[in-house]
Every structure is written in structure tokens, then in C-alpha cells.
Amino acid sequence: GASEFRPILSNLIDDLLLVRHLPEYPAAGMLLLYLSHRLGSDLLRASSAAKNQVEATYLATAMDAFGKITSAVAGSLQRNRENPFKLPESMNLCAPSPEPTEEINRCFCGRGNLDTFMVDC
């Protein structure tokens, strides 16, 4: 039944919401999108179906999970509207570069300037 399914789905959604903006987990947002579409379609289908055709605990679980996803997305939208990301007005392209003017070839073993490919290190 849905009682065993509820904590697994809840933990999965919590974990996906935590990592959805991290570049190490690029599919987290897509999984949340798929889950929200699936849960939303199940809830819409259940609203037009007969009362005893759909399990009530599944509907409660789906509504809870759908609400958790949508509230997190709404919170992110609100934070982004209140604190938008701003790029600098201009950049000083004539500033001196921190790079050295001459090329220095060194090996990690500590040998100094070399004119070879340093394959033997």
C-alpha cells in the first residue's frame, strides 16, 4: 500500500530538492519535473474517477508530495525575485593581467627552466 511508499517518496523528494541546483546532479530537476507531472495527472484523474476506484492513502501521499515540490519551487522563485542576480555594469578590460609576461617552464619535480618536453620526470 501507500503507507510503505510514503516515506520512500518523501525522502526521495527531499533529497532531490536539496541537490536540484547542484551541477553534480543535473537530472534532479528533471526527476522532480517528472514526479510533479505524474502526481498532478494522478490527482486530476482521481478527481474525476469514482470514489472507491483510487486508494485514499495514495491520494494523500500524492497531494503531500506534490505540495512539497511546488512549495519549494515557489520559494525559489520568490527568493530570485527578491534578490535577482546582477552582473557588473562594466569591466575594466585594460587592467594589468596577473599573468607573468614571459613563459616559465617548470616540472613538478622541482627542476627549473627547461627547454625540453620533460618526459623523463
PDB file of N, CA and C in Angstrom:
ATOM      1  N   GLY A   1       0.819  -1.196   0.000  1.00  0.00           N
ATOM      2  CA  GLY A   1       0.000   0.000   0.000  1.00  0.00           C
ATOM      3  C   GLY A   1       0.850   1.241   0.000  1.00  0.00           C
ATOM      4  N   ALA A   2       0.168   2.334   0.123  1.00  0.00           N
ATOM      5  CA  ALA A   2       0.829   3.639   0.066  1.00  0.00           C
ATOM      6  C   ALA A   2       1.555   3.981   1.361  1.00  0.00           C
ATOM      7  N   SER A   3       1.223   3.285   2.468  1.00  0.00           N
ATOM      8  CA  SER A   3       1.881   3.607   3.734  1.00  0.00           C
ATOM      9  C   SER A   3       3.373   3.245   3.702  1.00  0.00           C
ATOM     10  N   GLU A   4       3.738   2.182   2.983  1.00  0.00           N
ATOM     11  CA  GLU A   4       5.159   1.837   2.851  1.00  0.00           C
ATOM     12  C   GLU A   4       5.848   2.730   1.814  1.00  0.00           C
ATOM     13  N   PHE A   5       5.065   3.192   0.875  1.00  0.00           N
ATOM     14  CA  PHE A   5       5.575   4.012  -0.226  1.00  0.00           C
ATOM     15  C   PHE A   5       5.815   5.459   0.206  1.00  0.00           C
ATOM     16  N   ARG A   6       5.055   5.931   1.186  1.00  0.00           N
ATOM     17  CA  ARG A   6       5.095   7.335   1.593  1.00  0.00           C
ATOM     18  C   ARG A   6       6.467   7.800   2.081  1.00  0.00           C
ATOM     19  N   PRO A   7       7.132   7.121   3.036  1.00  0.00           N
ATOM     20  CA  PRO A   7       8.448   7.628   3.471  1.00  0.00           C
ATOM     21  C   PRO A   7       9.510   7.563   2.379  1.00  0.00           C
ATOM     22  N   ILE A   8       9.432   6.574   1.513  1.00  0.00           N
ATOM     23  CA  ILE A   8      10.415   6.474   0.429  1.00  0.00           C
ATOM     24  C   ILE A   8      10.251   7.656  -0.527  1.00  0.00           C
ATOM     25  N   LEU A   9       9.015   7.939  -0.917  1.00  0.00           N
ATOM     26  CA  LEU A   9       8.765   9.065  -1.819  1.00  0.00           C
ATOM     27  C   LEU A   9       9.125  10.387  -1.155  1.00  0.00           C
ATOM     28  N   SER A  10       8.794  10.526   0.113  1.00  0.00           N
ATOM     29  CA  SER A  10       9.106  11.760   0.830  1.00  0.00           C
ATOM     30  C   SER A  10      10.611  11.992   0.921  1.00  0.00           C
ATOM     31  N   ASN A  11      11.359  10.941   1.251  1.00  0.00           N
ATOM     32  CA  ASN A  11      12.826  11.068   1.332  1.00  0.00           C
ATOM     33  C   ASN A  11      13.438  11.348  -0.034  1.00  0.00           C
ATOM     34  N   LEU A  12      12.920  10.700  -1.069  1.00  0.00           N
ATOM     35  CA  LEU A  12      13.419  10.941  -2.423  1.00  0.00           C
ATOM     36  C   LEU A  12      13.196  12.398  -2.826  1.00  0.00           C
ATOM     37  N   ILE A  13      12.018  12.908  -2.562  1.00  0.00           N
ATOM     38  CA  ILE A  13      11.721  14.293  -2.930  1.00  0.00           C
ATOM     39  C   ILE A  13      12.572  15.259  -2.123  1.00  0.00           C
ATOM     40  N   ASP A  14      12.736  15.006  -0.824  1.00  0.00           N
ATOM     41  CA  ASP A  14      13.604  15.864  -0.006  1.00  0.00           C
ATOM     42  C   ASP A  14      15.029  15.888  -0.549  1.00  0.00           C
ATOM     43  N   ASP A  15      15.553  14.715  -0.898  1.00  0.00           N
ATOM     44  CA  ASP A  15      16.921  14.643  -1.430  1.00  0.00           C
ATOM     45  C   ASP A  15      17.033  15.355  -2.778  1.00  0.00           C
ATOM     46  N   LEU A  16      16.058  15.160  -3.657  1.00  0.00           N
ATOM     47  CA  LEU A  16      16.092  15.816  -4.965  1.00  0.00           C
ATOM     48  C   LEU A  16      15.986  17.334  -4.828  1.00  0.00           C
ATOM     49  N   LEU A  17      15.188  17.802  -3.884  1.00  0.00           N
ATOM     50  CA  LEU A  17      15.076  19.245  -3.669  1.00  0.00           C
ATOM     51  C   LEU A  17      16.373  19.829  -3.129  1.00  0.00           C
ATOM     52  N   LEU A  18      17.106  19.061  -2.346  1.00  0.00           N
ATOM     53  CA  LEU A  18      18.383  19.547  -1.821  1.00  0.00           C
ATOM     54  C   LEU A  18      19.447  19.694  -2.904  1.00  0.00           C
ATOM     55  N   VAL A  19      19.442  18.791  -3.876  1.00  0.00           N
ATOM     56  CA  VAL A  19      20.528  18.778  -4.860  1.00  0.00           C
ATOM     57  C   VAL A  19      20.112  19.312  -6.229  1.00  0.00           C
ATOM     58  N   ARG A  20      18.918  19.847  -6.360  1.00  0.00           N
ATOM     59  CA  ARG A  20      18.441  20.220  -7.703  1.00  0.00           C
ATOM     60  C   ARG A  20      19.238  21.343  -8.355  1.00  0.00           C
ATOM     61  N   HIS A  21      19.907  22.186  -7.580  1.00  0.00           N
ATOM     62  CA  HIS A  21      20.692  23.280  -8.170  1.00  0.00           C
ATOM     63  C   HIS A  21      22.182  22.964  -8.246  1.00  0.00           C
ATOM     64  N   LEU A  22      22.578  21.790  -7.805  1.00  0.00           N
ATOM     65  CA  LEU A  22      23.994  21.433  -7.832  1.00  0.00           C
ATOM     66  C   LEU A  22      24.365  20.860  -9.198  1.00  0.00           C
ATOM     67  N   PRO A  23      25.506  21.268  -9.743  1.00  0.00           N
ATOM     68  CA  PRO A  23      25.902  20.756 -11.065  1.00  0.00           C
ATOM     69  C   PRO A  23      26.267  19.273 -11.052  1.00  0.00           C
ATOM     70  N   GLU A  24      26.544  18.702  -9.879  1.00  0.00           N
ATOM     71  CA  GLU A  24      26.883  17.285  -9.807  1.00  0.00           C
ATOM     72  C   GLU A  24      25.672  16.390 -10.045  1.00  0.00           C
ATOM     73  N   TYR A  25      24.468  16.944  -9.905  1.00  0.00           N
ATOM     74  CA  TYR A  25      23.226  16.179 -10.058  1.00  0.00           C
ATOM     75  C   TYR A  25      22.314  16.865 -11.075  1.00  0.00           C
ATOM     76  N   PRO A  26      22.668  16.823 -12.356  1.00  0.00           N
ATOM     77  CA  PRO A  26      21.889  17.562 -13.351  1.00  0.00           C
ATOM     78  C   PRO A  26      20.494  16.995 -13.598  1.00  0.00           C
ATOM     79  N   ALA A  27      20.262  15.736 -13.267  1.00  0.00           N
ATOM     80  CA  ALA A  27      18.956  15.131 -13.534  1.00  0.00           C
ATOM     81  C   ALA A  27      17.962  15.320 -12.402  1.00  0.00           C
ATOM     82  N   ALA A  28      18.365  15.925 -11.290  1.00  0.00           N
ATOM     83  CA  ALA A  28      17.460  16.090 -10.149  1.00  0.00           C
ATOM     84  C   ALA A  28      16.252  16.941 -10.531  1.00  0.00           C
ATOM     85  N   GLY A  29      16.470  18.003 -11.270  1.00  0.00           N
ATOM     86  CA  GLY A  29      15.356  18.848 -11.699  1.00  0.00           C
ATOM     87  C   GLY A  29      14.408  18.122 -12.632  1.00  0.00           C
ATOM     88  N   MET A  30      14.966  17.307 -13.525  1.00  0.00           N
ATOM     89  CA  MET A  30      14.107  16.554 -14.440  1.00  0.00           C
ATOM     90  C   MET A  30      13.301  15.495 -13.703  1.00  0.00           C
ATOM     91  N   LEU A  31      13.907  14.854 -12.709  1.00  0.00           N
ATOM     92  CA  LEU A  31      13.169  13.873 -11.916  1.00  0.00           C
ATOM     93  C   LEU A  31      12.039  14.540 -11.138  1.00  0.00           C
ATOM     94  N   LEU A  32      12.311  15.723 -10.580  1.00  0.00           N
ATOM     95  CA  LEU A  32      11.254  16.448  -9.876  1.00  0.00           C
ATOM     96  C   LEU A  32      10.142  16.863 -10.834  1.00  0.00           C
ATOM     97  N   LEU A  33      10.516  17.272 -12.032  1.00  0.00           N
ATOM     98  CA  LEU A  33       9.518  17.649 -13.030  1.00  0.00           C
ATOM     99  C   LEU A  33       8.664  16.447 -13.412  1.00  0.00           C
ATOM    100  N   TYR A  34       9.296  15.306 -13.631  1.00  0.00           N
ATOM    101  CA  TYR A  34       8.541  14.104 -13.973  1.00  0.00           C
ATOM    102  C   TYR A  34       7.609  13.691 -12.826  1.00  0.00           C
ATOM    103  N   LEU A  35       8.139  13.710 -11.593  1.00  0.00           N
ATOM    104  CA  LEU A  35       7.305  13.341 -10.454  1.00  0.00           C
ATOM    105  C   LEU A  35       6.116  14.278 -10.297  1.00  0.00           C
ATOM    106  N   SER A  36       6.345  15.567 -10.470  1.00  0.00           N
ATOM    107  CA  SER A  36       5.231  16.513 -10.317  1.00  0.00           C
ATOM    108  C   SER A  36       4.195  16.336 -11.422  1.00  0.00           C
ATOM    109  N   HIS A  37       4.641  16.066 -12.648  1.00  0.00           N
ATOM    110  CA  HIS A  37       3.682  15.802 -13.730  1.00  0.00           C
ATOM    111  C   HIS A  37       2.881  14.535 -13.450  1.00  0.00           C
ATOM    112  N   ARG A  38       3.583  13.503 -13.007  1.00  0.00           N
ATOM    113  CA  ARG A  38       2.898  12.232 -12.746  1.00  0.00           C
ATOM    114  C   ARG A  38       1.915  12.359 -11.593  1.00  0.00           C
ATOM    115  N   LEU A  39       2.365  12.986 -10.503  1.00  0.00           N
ATOM    116  CA  LEU A  39       1.477  13.146  -9.353  1.00  0.00           C
ATOM    117  C   LEU A  39       0.296  14.046  -9.688  1.00  0.00           C
ATOM    118  N   GLY A  40       0.565  15.112 -10.441  1.00  0.00           N
ATOM    119  CA  GLY A  40      -0.525  16.006 -10.841  1.00  0.00           C
ATOM    120  C   GLY A  40      -1.547  15.315 -11.725  1.00  0.00           C
ATOM    121  N   SER A  41      -1.069  14.493 -12.652  1.00  0.00           N
ATOM    122  CA  SER A  41      -2.016  13.785 -13.524  1.00  0.00           C
ATOM    123  C   SER A  41      -2.797  12.735 -12.746  1.00  0.00           C
ATOM    124  N   ASP A  42      -2.157  12.074 -11.773  1.00  0.00           N
ATOM    125  CA  ASP A  42      -2.879  11.118 -10.932  1.00  0.00           C
ATOM    126  C   ASP A  42      -3.949  11.812 -10.101  1.00  0.00           C
ATOM    127  N   LEU A  43      -3.629  12.976  -9.579  1.00  0.00           N
ATOM    128  CA  LEU A  43      -4.620  13.715  -8.780  1.00  0.00           C
ATOM    129  C   LEU A  43      -5.775  14.192  -9.645  1.00  0.00           C
ATOM    130  N   LEU A  44      -5.483  14.655 -10.853  1.00  0.00           N
ATOM    131  CA  LEU A  44      -6.567  15.076 -11.753  1.00  0.00           C
ATOM    132  C   LEU A  44      -7.438  13.895 -12.165  1.00  0.00           C
ATOM    133  N   ARG A  45      -6.815  12.776 -12.445  1.00  0.00           N
ATOM    134  CA  ARG A  45      -7.570  11.588 -12.830  1.00  0.00           C
ATOM    135  C   ARG A  45      -8.433  11.097 -11.669  1.00  0.00           C
ATOM    136  N   ALA A  46      -7.917  11.189 -10.447  1.00  0.00           N
ATOM    137  CA  ALA A  46      -8.671  10.731  -9.283  1.00  0.00           C
ATOM    138  C   ALA A  46      -9.845  11.649  -8.968  1.00  0.00           C
ATOM    139  N   SER A  47      -9.728  12.927  -9.323  1.00  0.00           N
ATOM    140  CA  SER A  47     -10.829  13.847  -9.038  1.00  0.00           C
ATOM    141  C   SER A  47     -12.044  13.561  -9.906  1.00  0.00           C
ATOM    142  N   SER A  48     -11.837  12.930 -11.050  1.00  0.00           N
ATOM    143  CA  SER A  48     -12.967  12.617 -11.923  1.00  0.00           C
ATOM    144  C   SER A  48     -13.363  11.148 -11.867  1.00  0.00           C
ATOM    145  N   ALA A  49     -12.631  10.334 -11.102  1.00  0.00           N
ATOM    146  CA  ALA A  49     -12.931   8.901 -11.019  1.00  0.00           C
ATOM    147  C   ALA A  49     -13.911   8.645  -9.880  1.00  0.00           C
ATOM    148  N   ALA A  50     -14.402   7.425  -9.825  1.00  0.00           N
ATOM    149  CA  ALA A  50     -15.299   7.024  -8.741  1.00  0.00           C
ATOM    150  C   ALA A  50     -14.539   7.005  -7.418  1.00  0.00           C
ATOM    151  N   LYS A  51     -15.258   7.173  -6.317  1.00  0.00           N
ATOM    152  CA  LYS A  51     -14.631   7.327  -5.000  1.00  0.00           C
ATOM    153  C   LYS A  51     -13.819   6.102  -4.577  1.00  0.00           C
ATOM    154  N   ASN A  52     -14.313   4.910  -4.804  1.00  0.00           N
ATOM    155  CA  ASN A  52     -13.619   3.721  -4.335  1.00  0.00           C
ATOM    156  C   ASN A  52     -12.691   3.122  -5.382  1.00  0.00           C
ATOM    157  N   GLN A  53     -12.446   3.852  -6.467  1.00  0.00           N
ATOM    158  CA  GLN A  53     -11.551   3.355  -7.506  1.00  0.00           C
ATOM    159  C   GLN A  53     -10.079   3.652  -7.178  1.00  0.00           C
ATOM    160  N   VAL A  54      -9.814   4.731  -6.446  1.00  0.00           N
ATOM    161  CA  VAL A  54      -8.444   5.142  -6.127  1.00  0.00           C
ATOM    162  C   VAL A  54      -8.264   5.078  -4.610  1.00  0.00           C
ATOM    163  N   GLU A  55      -7.117   4.562  -4.195  1.00  0.00           N
ATOM    164  CA  GLU A  55      -6.841   4.426  -2.767  1.00  0.00           C
ATOM    165  C   GLU A  55      -6.634   5.805  -2.129  1.00  0.00           C
ATOM    166  N   ALA A  56      -7.272   6.038  -1.010  1.00  0.00           N
ATOM    167  CA  ALA A  56      -7.234   7.350  -0.352  1.00  0.00           C
ATOM    168  C   ALA A  56      -5.856   7.667   0.198  1.00  0.00           C
ATOM    169  N   THR A  57      -5.132   6.658   0.695  1.00  0.00           N
ATOM    170  CA  THR A  57      -3.793   6.930   1.224  1.00  0.00           C
ATOM    171  C   THR A  57      -2.821   7.329   0.115  1.00  0.00           C
ATOM    172  N   TYR A  58      -3.003   6.757  -1.086  1.00  0.00           N
ATOM    173  CA  TYR A  58      -2.159   7.175  -2.210  1.00  0.00           C
ATOM    174  C   TYR A  58      -2.446   8.627  -2.574  1.00  0.00           C
ATOM    175  N   LEU A  59      -3.707   9.014  -2.572  1.00  0.00           N
ATOM    176  CA  LEU A  59      -4.055  10.392  -2.895  1.00  0.00           C
ATOM    177  C   LEU A  59      -3.481  11.367  -1.874  1.00  0.00           C
ATOM    178  N   ALA A  60      -3.526  10.988  -0.600  1.00  0.00           N
ATOM    179  CA  ALA A  60      -2.939  11.850   0.432  1.00  0.00           C
ATOM    180  C   ALA A  60      -1.425  11.951   0.260  1.00  0.00           C
ATOM    181  N   THR A  61      -0.794  10.838  -0.060  1.00  0.00           N
ATOM    182  CA  THR A  61       0.656  10.829  -0.302  1.00  0.00           C
ATOM    183  C   THR A  61       1.007  11.668  -1.526  1.00  0.00           C
ATOM    184  N   ALA A  62       0.227  11.515  -2.590  1.00  0.00           N
ATOM    185  CA  ALA A  62       0.482  12.282  -3.811  1.00  0.00           C
ATOM    186  C   ALA A  62       0.283  13.773  -3.570  1.00  0.00           C
ATOM    187  N   MET A  63      -0.752  14.133  -2.829  1.00  0.00           N
ATOM    188  CA  MET A  63      -1.002  15.544  -2.545  1.00  0.00           C
ATOM    189  C   MET A  63       0.103  16.134  -1.675  1.00  0.00           C
ATOM    190  N   ASP A  64       0.558  15.388  -0.697  1.00  0.00           N
ATOM    191  CA  ASP A  64       1.649  15.851   0.163  1.00  0.00           C
ATOM    192  C   ASP A  64       2.933  16.044  -0.636  1.00  0.00           C
ATOM    193  N   ALA A  65       3.272  15.080  -1.474  1.00  0.00           N
ATOM    194  CA  ALA A  65       4.497  15.170  -2.280  1.00  0.00           C
ATOM    195  C   ALA A  65       4.406  16.301  -3.296  1.00  0.00           C
ATOM    196  N   PHE A  66       3.255  16.423  -3.941  1.00  0.00           N
ATOM    197  CA  PHE A  66       3.057  17.492  -4.928  1.00  0.00           C
ATOM    198  C   PHE A  66       3.156  18.858  -4.263  1.00  0.00           C
ATOM    199  N   GLY A  67       2.590  18.976  -3.076  1.00  0.00           N
ATOM    200  CA  GLY A  67       2.679  20.239  -2.332  1.00  0.00           C
ATOM    201  C   GLY A  67       4.096  20.571  -1.913  1.00  0.00           C
ATOM    202  N   LYS A  68       4.866  19.553  -1.537  1.00  0.00           N
ATOM    203  CA  LYS A  68       6.253  19.784  -1.135  1.00  0.00           C
ATOM    204  C   LYS A  68       7.083  20.292  -2.312  1.00  0.00           C
ATOM    205  N   ILE A  69       6.891  19.702  -3.475  1.00  0.00           N
ATOM    206  CA  ILE A  69       7.639  20.126  -4.666  1.00  0.00           C
ATOM    207  C   ILE A  69       7.247  21.542  -5.069  1.00  0.00           C
ATOM    208  N   THR A  70       5.949  21.803  -5.143  1.00  0.00           N
ATOM    209  CA  THR A  70       5.507  23.125  -5.598  1.00  0.00           C
ATOM    210  C   THR A  70       5.855  24.222  -4.602  1.00  0.00           C
ATOM    211  N   SER A  71       5.834  23.928  -3.302  1.00  0.00           N
ATOM    212  CA  SER A  71       6.207  24.961  -2.335  1.00  0.00           C
ATOM    213  C   SER A  71       7.698  25.278  -2.417  1.00  0.00           C
ATOM    214  N   ALA A  72       8.529  24.273  -2.677  1.00  0.00           N
ATOM    215  CA  ALA A  72       9.966  24.528  -2.822  1.00  0.00           C
ATOM    216  C   ALA A  72      10.250  25.356  -4.068  1.00  0.00           C
ATOM    217  N   VAL A  73       9.565  25.057  -5.162  1.00  0.00           N
ATOM    218  CA  VAL A  73       9.757  25.833  -6.395  1.00  0.00           C
ATOM    219  C   VAL A  73       9.265  27.260  -6.203  1.00  0.00           C
ATOM    220  N   ALA A  74       8.121  27.432  -5.529  1.00  0.00           N
ATOM    221  CA  ALA A  74       7.599  28.776  -5.273  1.00  0.00           C
ATOM    222  C   ALA A  74       8.540  29.569  -4.372  1.00  0.00           C
ATOM    223  N   GLY A  75       9.145  28.905  -3.386  1.00  0.00           N
ATOM    224  CA  GLY A  75      10.119  29.576  -2.520  1.00  0.00           C
ATOM    225  C   GLY A  75      11.345  30.036  -3.292  1.00  0.00           C
ATOM    226  N   SER A  76      11.816  29.199  -4.212  1.00  0.00           N
ATOM    227  CA  SER A  76      12.972  29.580  -5.046  1.00  0.00           C
ATOM    228  C   SER A  76      12.627  30.768  -5.936  1.00  0.00           C
ATOM    229  N   LEU A  77      11.442  30.738  -6.533  1.00  0.00           N
ATOM    230  CA  LEU A  77      11.022  31.866  -7.374  1.00  0.00           C
ATOM    231  C   LEU A  77      10.928  33.153  -6.581  1.00  0.00           C
ATOM    232  N   GLN A  78      10.387  33.069  -5.368  1.00  0.00           N
ATOM    233  CA  GLN A  78      10.270  34.270  -4.544  1.00  0.00           C
ATOM    234  C   GLN A  78      11.646  34.813  -4.165  1.00  0.00           C
ATOM    235  N   ARG A  79      12.567  33.931  -3.766  1.00  0.00           N
ATOM    236  CA  ARG A  79      13.925  34.385  -3.430  1.00  0.00           C
ATOM    237  C   ARG A  79      14.613  35.016  -4.629  1.00  0.00           C
ATOM    238  N   ASN A  80      14.426  34.448  -5.822  1.00  0.00           N
ATOM    239  CA  ASN A  80      15.053  35.009  -7.021  1.00  0.00           C
ATOM    240  C   ASN A  80      14.434  36.338  -7.412  1.00  0.00           C
ATOM    241  N   ARG A  81      13.164  36.524  -7.159  1.00  0.00           N
ATOM    242  CA  ARG A  81      12.533  37.814  -7.458  1.00  0.00           C
ATOM    243  C   ARG A  81      12.970  38.888  -6.467  1.00  0.00           C
ATOM    244  N   GLU A  82      13.119  38.518  -5.206  1.00  0.00           N
ATOM    245  CA  GLU A  82      13.528  39.491  -4.192  1.00  0.00           C
ATOM    246  C   GLU A  82      15.006  39.829  -4.287  1.00  0.00           C
ATOM    247  N   ASN A  83      15.827  38.877  -4.666  1.00  0.00           N
ATOM    248  CA  ASN A  83      17.278  39.081  -4.769  1.00  0.00           C
ATOM    249  C   ASN A  83      17.763  38.615  -6.128  1.00  0.00           C
ATOM    250  N   PRO A  84      17.502  39.399  -7.183  1.00  0.00           N
ATOM    251  CA  PRO A  84      17.917  38.945  -8.514  1.00  0.00           C
ATOM    252  C   PRO A  84      19.436  38.976  -8.666  1.00  0.00           C
ATOM    253  N   PHE A  85      19.910  38.082  -9.506  1.00  0.00           N
ATOM    254  CA  PHE A  85      21.337  38.031  -9.816  1.00  0.00           C
ATOM    255  C   PHE A  85      21.678  39.215 -10.711  1.00  0.00           C
ATOM    256  N   LYS A  86      22.680  39.996 -10.324  1.00  0.00           N
ATOM    257  CA  LYS A  86      23.063  41.181 -11.092  1.00  0.00           C
ATOM    258  C   LYS A  86      24.498  41.047 -11.573  1.00  0.00           C
ATOM    259  N   LEU A  87      24.680  41.307 -12.832  1.00  0.00           N
ATOM    260  CA  LEU A  87      26.021  41.335 -13.406  1.00  0.00           C
ATOM    261  C   LEU A  87      26.615  42.722 -13.192  1.00  0.00           C
ATOM    262  N   PRO A  88      27.931  42.836 -13.157  1.00  0.00           N
ATOM    263  CA  PRO A  88      28.540  44.164 -13.002  1.00  0.00           C
ATOM    264  C   PRO A  88      28.215  45.046 -14.207  1.00  0.00           C
ATOM    265  N   GLU A  89      28.137  46.324 -13.935  1.00  0.00           N
ATOM    266  CA  GLU A  89      27.825  47.290 -15.001  1.00  0.00           C
ATOM    267  C   GLU A  89      28.871  47.268 -16.106  1.00  0.00           C
ATOM    268  N   SER A  90      30.140  47.304 -15.720  1.00  0.00           N
ATOM    269  CA  SER A  90      31.208  47.283 -16.715  1.00  0.00           C
ATOM    270  C   SER A  90      32.428  46.600 -16.119  1.00  0.00           C
ATOM    271  N   MET A  91      33.286  46.189 -17.013  1.00  0.00           N
ATOM    272  CA  MET A  91      34.522  45.558 -16.569  1.00  0.00           C
ATOM    273  C   MET A  91      35.695  46.350 -17.131  1.00  0.00           C
ATOM    274  N   ASN A  92      36.734  46.472 -16.352  1.00  0.00           N
ATOM    275  CA  ASN A  92      37.928  47.167 -16.785  1.00  0.00           C
ATOM    276  C   ASN A  92      38.792  46.189 -17.579  1.00  0.00           C
ATOM    277  N   LEU A  93      38.728  46.291 -18.888  1.00  0.00           N
ATOM    278  CA  LEU A  93      39.478  45.382 -19.745  1.00  0.00           C
ATOM    279  C   LEU A  93      40.934  45.792 -19.913  1.00  0.00           C
ATOM    280  N   CYS A  94      41.279  46.999 -19.480  1.00  0.00           N
ATOM    281  CA  CYS A  94      42.653  47.482 -19.625  1.00  0.00           C
ATOM    282  C   CYS A  94      43.477  47.257 -18.364  1.00  0.00           C
ATOM    283  N   ALA A  95      42.923  46.588 -17.379  1.00  0.00           N
ATOM    284  CA  ALA A  95      43.656  46.342 -16.140  1.00  0.00           C
ATOM    285  C   ALA A  95      44.817  45.391 -16.418  1.00  0.00           C
ATOM    286  N   PRO A  96      45.915  45.545 -15.689  1.00  0.00           N
ATOM    287  CA  PRO A  96      47.056  44.649 -15.918  1.00  0.00           C
ATOM    288  C   PRO A  96      46.692  43.224 -15.529  1.00  0.00           C
ATOM    289  N   SER A  97      47.151  42.301 -16.337  1.00  0.00           N
ATOM    290  CA  SER A  97      46.845  40.904 -16.078  1.00  0.00           C
ATOM    291  C   SER A  97      47.787  40.358 -15.009  1.00  0.00           C
ATOM    292  N   PRO A  98      47.334  39.435 -14.168  1.00  0.00           N
ATOM    293  CA  PRO A  98      48.207  38.879 -13.133  1.00  0.00           C
ATOM    294  C   PRO A  98      49.170  37.833 -13.675  1.00  0.00           C
ATOM    295  N   GLU A  99      49.056  37.510 -14.950  1.00  0.00           N
ATOM    296  CA  GLU A  99      49.923  36.506 -15.543  1.00  0.00           C
ATOM    297  C   GLU A  99      51.316  37.082 -15.793  1.00  0.00           C
ATOM    298  N   PRO A 100      52.345  36.262 -15.673  1.00  0.00           N
ATOM    299  CA  PRO A 100      53.699  36.754 -15.965  1.00  0.00           C
ATOM    300  C   PRO A 100      53.838  37.062 -17.455  1.00  0.00           C
ATOM    301  N   THR A 101      54.717  37.991 -17.755  1.00  0.00           N
ATOM    302  CA  THR A 101      54.898  38.404 -19.140  1.00  0.00           C
ATOM    303  C   THR A 101      55.696  37.377 -19.941  1.00  0.00           C
ATOM    304  N   GLU A 102      56.536  36.602 -19.288  1.00  0.00           N
ATOM    305  CA  GLU A 102      57.292  35.586 -20.006  1.00  0.00           C
ATOM    306  C   GLU A 102      56.861  34.199 -19.540  1.00  0.00           C
ATOM    307  N   GLU A 103      56.986  33.228 -20.408  1.00  0.00           N
ATOM    308  CA  GLU A 103      56.576  31.871 -20.096  1.00  0.00           C
ATOM    309  C   GLU A 103      57.658  31.179 -19.284  1.00  0.00           C
ATOM    310  N   ILE A 104      57.220  30.487 -18.220  1.00  0.00           N
ATOM    311  CA  ILE A 104      58.162  29.773 -17.361  1.00  0.00           C
ATOM    312  C   ILE A 104      57.793  28.301 -17.400  1.00  0.00           C
ATOM    313  N   ASN A 105      58.739  27.479 -17.852  1.00  0.00           N
ATOM    314  CA  ASN A 105      58.516  26.031 -17.907  1.00  0.00           C
ATOM    315  C   ASN A 105      59.197  25.390 -16.719  1.00  0.00           C
ATOM    316  N   ARG A 106      58.400  24.736 -15.886  1.00  0.00           N
ATOM    317  CA  ARG A 106      58.961  24.047 -14.725  1.00  0.00           C
ATOM    318  C   ARG A 106      58.301  22.690 -14.594  1.00  0.00           C
ATOM    319  N   CYS A 107      59.012  21.791 -13.999  1.00  0.00           N
ATOM    320  CA  CYS A 107      58.497  20.451 -13.759  1.00  0.00           C
ATOM    321  C   CYS A 107      58.058  20.347 -12.307  1.00  0.00           C
ATOM    322  N   PHE A 108      57.138  19.447 -12.020  1.00  0.00           N
ATOM    323  CA  PHE A 108      56.676  19.281 -10.643  1.00  0.00           C
ATOM    324  C   PHE A 108      57.752  18.701  -9.737  1.00  0.00           C
ATOM    325  N   CYS A 109      58.794  18.112 -10.326  1.00  0.00           N
ATOM    326  CA  CYS A 109      59.865  17.543  -9.511  1.00  0.00           C
ATOM    327  C   CYS A 109      60.820  18.624  -8.997  1.00  0.00           C
ATOM    328  N   GLY A 110      60.688  19.826  -9.477  1.00  0.00           N
ATOM    329  CA  GLY A 110      61.488  20.921  -8.952  1.00  0.00           C
ATOM    330  C   GLY A 110      62.577  21.425  -9.872  1.00  0.00           C
ATOM    331  N   ARG A 111      62.790  20.762 -10.994  1.00  0.00           N
ATOM    332  CA  ARG A 111      63.813  21.259 -11.910  1.00  0.00           C
ATOM    333  C   ARG A 111      63.353  22.589 -12.484  1.00  0.00           C
ATOM    334  N   GLY A 112      64.258  23.449 -12.731  1.00  0.00           N
ATOM    335  CA  GLY A 112      63.961  24.805 -13.171  1.00  0.00           C
ATOM    336  C   GLY A 112      63.553  24.914 -14.624  1.00  0.00           C
ATOM    337  N   ASN A 113      63.915  26.039 -15.226  1.00  0.00           N
ATOM    338  CA  ASN A 113      63.562  26.315 -16.622  1.00  0.00           C
ATOM    339  C   ASN A 113      64.185  25.282 -17.543  1.00  0.00           C
ATOM    340  N   LEU A 114      63.356  24.621 -18.306  1.00  0.00           N
ATOM    341  CA  LEU A 114      63.828  23.574 -19.205  1.00  0.00           C
ATOM    342  C   LEU A 114      63.367  23.889 -20.617  1.00  0.00           C
ATOM    343  N   ASP A 115      64.169  23.461 -21.562  1.00  0.00           N
ATOM    344  CA  ASP A 115      63.800  23.644 -22.969  1.00  0.00           C
ATOM    345  C   ASP A 115      63.364  22.318 -23.599  1.00  0.00           C
ATOM    346  N   THR A 116      63.030  21.342 -22.763  1.00  0.00           N
ATOM    347  CA  THR A 116      62.624  20.039 -23.283  1.00  0.00           C
ATOM    348  C   THR A 116      61.160  19.776 -22.913  1.00  0.00           C
ATOM    349  N   PHE A 117      60.690  18.612 -23.332  1.00  0.00           N
ATOM    350  CA  PHE A 117      59.300  18.245 -23.045  1.00  0.00           C
ATOM    351  C   PHE A 117      59.101  17.689 -21.641  1.00  0.00           C
ATOM    352  N   MET A 118      60.131  17.453 -20.905  1.00  0.00           N
ATOM    353  CA  MET A 118      60.115  16.935 -19.543  1.00  0.00           C
ATOM    354  C   MET A 118      59.428  15.582 -19.443  1.00  0.00           C
ATOM    355  N   VAL A 119      59.684  14.688 -20.389  1.00  0.00           N
ATOM    356  CA  VAL A 119      59.076  13.377 -20.407  1.00  0.00           C
ATOM    357  C   VAL A 119      59.725  12.454 -19.404  1.00  0.00           C
ATOM    358  N   ASP A 120      60.972  12.697 -19.058  1.00  0.00           N
ATOM    359  CA  ASP A 120      61.707  11.777 -18.190  1.00  0.00           C
ATOM    360  C   ASP A 120      61.397  11.961 -16.702  1.00  0.00           C
ATOM    361  N   CYS A 121      60.548  12.875 -16.309  1.00  0.00           N
ATOM    362  CA  CYS A 121      60.226  13.084 -14.877  1.00  0.00           C
ATOM    363  C   CYS A 121      59.235  12.067 -14.372  1.00  0.00           C
TER     364      CYS A 121
END
